[in-house]
């Protein structure tokens, strides 16, 4: 990479680091290019050479956060040998929680209250789908191996939900999975997502303090409900 481009990339990363620090201190809606420029000793017009607007900067931060989450989950899953489907599910959801607790500002940016006036563009979609696509692949792999048998899933799927998950599958494409498998996957994702959100935003601590034991219990319930062999 030419020196000029290296300097530019380093400045971009510094801008994003200052923006994350502002969000951590004042909330995700607090970031402004003018405040970042002051912090970095730059003029606001100089900063606009790197990001044309606040929304452009937020989009870069959102994309980075989704990619970092997916990277962490993928690395955790890859550390588990193929065929150990229950452990791969545990690894994926455990990494989701660990990343959220370790990166609460980024977690709030992508899963917390929307930033007033900001609408995420289509450009963030590929990064945003990576972690959910990973979960879908875990289900598809387990089903293809015969480890995730719809008949063993402890779940009664209402007809309305069956229609919804089948329509979702048609929109997304990919391997065709039975409605009980899809419904189980969506339910597991919602339960883990909700529990981790409560923990990251401090709503769980007043009830149980450290949320590790409760999370591990719910994870085991999910694996048992799936019928996946240990």
Protein backbone atom coordinates (compact mmCIF):
# COMPACT_ATOMS: atom_id res chain seq x y z
CA UNK A 1 0.00 0.00 0.00
CA UNK A 2 1.45 3.42 -0.92
CA UNK A 3 2.45 5.63 2.01
CA UNK A 4 -0.26 8.17 1.22
CA UNK A 5 -2.94 5.48 1.36
CA UNK A 6 -1.50 4.09 4.61
CA UNK A 7 -1.70 7.55 6.19
CA UNK A 8 -5.27 7.97 4.96
CA UNK A 9 -6.31 4.57 6.31
CA UNK A 10 -4.70 5.31 9.66
CA UNK A 11 -6.64 8.60 9.86
CA UNK A 12 -9.89 6.82 9.01
CA UNK A 13 -9.29 4.30 11.80
CA UNK A 14 -8.47 7.11 14.25
CA UNK A 15 -11.69 8.91 13.33
CA UNK A 16 -13.68 5.74 13.97
CA UNK A 17 -11.89 5.14 17.28
CA UNK A 18 -12.71 8.66 18.47
CA UNK A 19 -16.32 8.21 17.37
CA UNK A 20 -16.59 4.96 19.34
CA UNK A 21 -15.15 6.71 22.41
CA UNK A 22 -17.75 9.45 22.06
CA UNK A 23 -20.52 6.86 21.79
CA UNK A 24 -19.22 5.04 24.85
CA UNK A 25 -19.18 8.24 26.88
CA UNK A 26 -22.35 9.92 25.65
CA UNK A 27 -24.47 7.34 23.82
CA UNK A 28 -24.64 6.21 20.23
CA UNK A 29 -26.59 9.28 19.11
CA UNK A 30 -23.91 11.69 20.40
CA UNK A 31 -21.36 11.31 17.62
CA UNK A 32 -20.74 14.42 15.49
CA UNK A 33 -18.02 15.11 12.95
CA UNK A 34 -17.40 18.55 14.40
CA UNK A 35 -16.72 17.13 17.87
CA UNK A 36 -14.46 14.46 16.40
CA UNK A 37 -12.53 17.10 14.47
CA UNK A 38 -11.98 19.08 17.68
CA UNK A 39 -10.77 15.95 19.49
CA UNK A 40 -8.31 15.16 16.70
CA UNK A 41 -7.08 18.73 16.25
CA UNK A 42 -8.49 18.91 12.73
CA UNK A 43 -10.84 21.32 11.06
CA UNK A 44 -14.32 20.08 10.23
CA UNK A 45 -13.80 20.60 6.46
CA UNK A 46 -10.65 18.45 6.67
CA UNK A 47 -12.63 15.65 8.30
CA UNK A 48 -15.20 15.73 5.51
CA UNK A 49 -12.47 14.54 3.15
CA UNK A 50 -12.66 11.18 4.96
CA UNK A 51 -16.40 10.95 5.68
CA UNK A 52 -18.85 13.06 3.72
CA UNK A 53 -21.42 13.14 6.51
CA UNK A 54 -22.15 11.85 9.98
CA UNK A 55 -24.33 9.15 8.43
CA UNK A 56 -21.40 7.93 6.32
CA UNK A 57 -19.33 7.57 9.48
CA UNK A 58 -22.14 5.78 11.33
CA UNK A 59 -22.55 3.41 8.38
CA UNK A 60 -18.85 2.54 8.55
CA UNK A 61 -19.12 1.92 12.30
CA UNK A 62 -22.23 -0.24 11.89
CA UNK A 63 -20.56 -2.30 9.17
CA UNK A 64 -17.43 -2.74 11.30
CA UNK A 65 -19.51 -3.86 14.28
CA UNK A 66 -21.49 -6.46 12.35
CA UNK A 67 -18.32 -7.82 10.77
CA UNK A 68 -16.53 -8.01 14.12
CA UNK A 69 -19.46 -9.90 15.64
CA UNK A 70 -19.56 -12.34 12.72
CA UNK A 71 -15.77 -12.80 12.83
CA UNK A 72 -15.95 -13.72 16.53
CA UNK A 73 -18.81 -16.18 16.02
CA UNK A 74 -17.22 -17.79 12.96
CA UNK A 75 -13.90 -18.22 14.76
CA UNK A 76 -15.64 -19.87 17.72
CA UNK A 77 -17.53 -22.29 15.47
CA UNK A 78 -14.44 -23.15 13.41
CA UNK A 79 -12.65 -24.16 16.63
CA UNK A 80 -15.19 -26.99 17.10
CA UNK A 81 -14.72 -30.08 14.90
CA UNK A 82 -17.34 -30.69 12.21
CA UNK A 83 -20.08 -33.07 13.25
CA UNK A 84 -20.27 -31.84 16.85
CA UNK A 85 -23.40 -29.89 16.05
CA UNK A 86 -24.57 -29.20 19.59
CA UNK A 87 -21.16 -27.85 20.56
CA UNK A 88 -21.05 -25.68 17.43
CA UNK A 89 -24.40 -24.13 18.41
CA UNK A 90 -23.09 -23.54 21.93
CA UNK A 91 -19.93 -21.96 20.50
CA UNK A 92 -21.83 -19.62 18.19
CA UNK A 93 -24.19 -18.34 20.86
CA UNK A 94 -21.44 -18.18 23.48
CA UNK A 95 -19.38 -16.00 21.14
CA UNK A 96 -22.41 -13.77 20.52
CA UNK A 97 -22.69 -13.16 24.27
CA UNK A 98 -18.94 -12.72 24.80
CA UNK A 99 -18.72 -10.18 21.99
CA UNK A 100 -21.72 -8.22 23.29
CA UNK A 101 -20.35 -8.07 26.84
CA UNK A 102 -16.89 -7.15 25.58
CA UNK A 103 -18.08 -4.53 23.09
CA UNK A 104 -21.16 -2.92 24.67
CA UNK A 105 -20.87 0.29 22.64
CA UNK A 106 -20.82 -1.56 19.32
CA UNK A 107 -23.59 -3.89 20.53
CA UNK A 108 -25.74 -0.87 21.39
CA UNK A 109 -24.98 0.68 18.01
CA UNK A 110 -26.35 -2.28 16.04
CA UNK A 111 -28.94 -3.67 18.46
CA UNK A 112 -29.93 -0.72 20.65
CA UNK A 113 -32.19 2.28 20.11
CA UNK A 114 -32.03 3.71 16.58
CA UNK A 115 -29.97 6.87 16.13
CA UNK A 116 -32.41 9.72 15.43
CA UNK A 117 -32.35 10.68 11.76
CA UNK A 118 -30.17 7.76 10.69
CA UNK A 119 -31.44 5.03 8.38
CA UNK A 120 -28.99 2.23 7.68
CA UNK A 121 -28.40 1.97 3.93
CA UNK A 122 -28.46 -1.21 1.89
CA UNK A 123 -24.65 -1.21 2.04
CA UNK A 124 -24.80 -2.47 5.65
CA UNK A 125 -26.95 -5.48 4.74
CA UNK A 126 -24.20 -7.98 3.77
CA UNK A 127 -22.35 -7.41 7.05
CA UNK A 128 -25.61 -7.50 9.02
CA UNK A 129 -26.57 -10.87 7.56
CA UNK A 130 -23.27 -12.62 8.24
CA UNK A 131 -24.00 -13.71 11.81
CA UNK A 132 -27.56 -14.83 11.10
CA UNK A 133 -26.41 -16.65 7.98
CA UNK A 134 -23.90 -18.49 10.15
CA UNK A 135 -26.69 -19.66 12.45
CA UNK A 136 -28.68 -20.77 9.41
CA UNK A 137 -25.71 -22.77 8.14
CA UNK A 138 -25.37 -24.53 11.50
CA UNK A 139 -29.00 -25.63 11.26
CA UNK A 140 -28.62 -26.70 7.63
CA UNK A 141 -25.44 -28.69 8.34
CA UNK A 142 -27.00 -30.48 11.31
CA UNK A 143 -30.14 -31.28 9.33
CA UNK A 144 -28.13 -32.55 6.36
CA UNK A 145 -26.17 -34.87 8.69
CA UNK A 146 -29.38 -36.22 10.18
CA UNK A 147 -28.49 -34.79 13.60
CA UNK A 148 -31.30 -32.24 13.56
CA UNK A 149 -34.42 -34.32 13.00
CA UNK A 150 -37.68 -32.34 12.89
CA UNK A 151 -39.39 -35.26 14.64
CA UNK A 152 -37.04 -34.89 17.64
CA UNK A 153 -37.42 -31.12 18.04
CA UNK A 154 -39.46 -30.42 21.17
CA UNK A 155 -41.62 -27.80 19.53
CA UNK A 156 -45.19 -27.48 18.28
CA UNK A 157 -45.21 -24.97 15.43
CA UNK A 158 -48.48 -23.03 15.02
CA UNK A 159 -49.75 -22.92 11.42
CA UNK A 160 -49.32 -19.13 11.25
CA UNK A 161 -45.64 -19.40 12.26
CA UNK A 162 -45.08 -22.24 9.80
CA UNK A 163 -46.35 -20.03 7.00
CA UNK A 164 -44.15 -17.16 8.15
CA UNK A 165 -40.93 -19.18 8.33
CA UNK A 166 -41.62 -20.84 4.98
CA UNK A 167 -42.16 -17.42 3.39
CA UNK A 168 -38.93 -16.23 5.02
CA UNK A 169 -37.09 -19.21 3.53
CA UNK A 170 -38.43 -18.49 0.05
CA UNK A 171 -37.22 -14.89 0.31
CA UNK A 172 -33.77 -15.81 1.55
CA UNK A 173 -33.14 -18.90 -0.53
CA UNK A 174 -30.53 -21.43 0.53
CA UNK A 175 -31.08 -25.05 1.62
CA UNK A 176 -34.73 -26.03 2.06
CA UNK A 177 -35.38 -26.77 5.73
CA UNK A 178 -38.56 -28.09 7.35
CA UNK A 179 -40.72 -25.57 9.18
CA UNK A 180 -39.94 -27.04 12.65
CA UNK A 181 -36.20 -26.57 12.04
CA UNK A 182 -36.65 -22.98 10.91
CA UNK A 183 -39.04 -22.16 13.74
CA UNK A 184 -36.66 -23.68 16.28
CA UNK A 185 -33.77 -21.65 14.87
CA UNK A 186 -35.68 -18.38 14.97
CA UNK A 187 -36.86 -19.06 18.51
CA UNK A 188 -33.36 -19.94 19.71
CA UNK A 189 -31.94 -16.79 18.11
CA UNK A 190 -34.64 -14.63 19.69
CA UNK A 191 -34.11 -16.12 23.15
CA UNK A 192 -30.33 -15.71 23.11
CA UNK A 193 -30.54 -12.26 21.58
CA UNK A 194 -33.05 -11.12 24.20
CA UNK A 195 -31.10 -12.56 27.12
CA UNK A 196 -27.81 -11.03 26.00
CA UNK A 197 -29.49 -7.68 25.36
CA UNK A 198 -30.87 -7.68 28.92
CA UNK A 199 -27.39 -8.44 30.22
CA UNK A 200 -25.48 -5.92 28.09
CA UNK A 201 -27.89 -3.10 28.95
CA UNK A 202 -27.73 -3.86 32.68
CA UNK A 203 -31.29 -5.12 33.16
CA UNK A 204 -30.32 -8.65 34.22
CA UNK A 205 -27.82 -7.82 36.97
CA UNK A 206 -30.42 -6.63 39.53
CA UNK A 207 -32.07 -10.06 39.37
CA UNK A 208 -29.14 -12.49 39.17
CA UNK A 209 -25.92 -10.47 39.24
CA UNK A 210 -23.55 -12.34 36.91
CA UNK A 211 -25.66 -13.72 34.07
CA UNK A 212 -23.35 -16.59 33.14
CA UNK A 213 -25.26 -19.35 34.94
CA UNK A 214 -28.61 -18.26 33.51
CA UNK A 215 -27.16 -18.01 30.02
CA UNK A 216 -25.63 -21.49 30.24
CA UNK A 217 -28.94 -22.89 31.49
CA UNK A 218 -30.86 -21.38 28.58
CA UNK A 219 -28.23 -22.60 26.12
CA UNK A 220 -28.61 -26.15 27.42
CA UNK A 221 -32.40 -25.87 27.17
CA UNK A 222 -32.02 -24.81 23.53
CA UNK A 223 -29.71 -27.72 22.71
CA UNK A 224 -31.98 -30.23 24.49
CA UNK A 225 -35.03 -28.82 22.72
CA UNK A 226 -33.30 -29.27 19.37
CA UNK A 227 -32.75 -32.97 19.96
CA UNK A 228 -29.13 -32.60 18.86
CA UNK A 229 -26.98 -35.40 20.30
CA UNK A 230 -24.13 -34.43 22.62
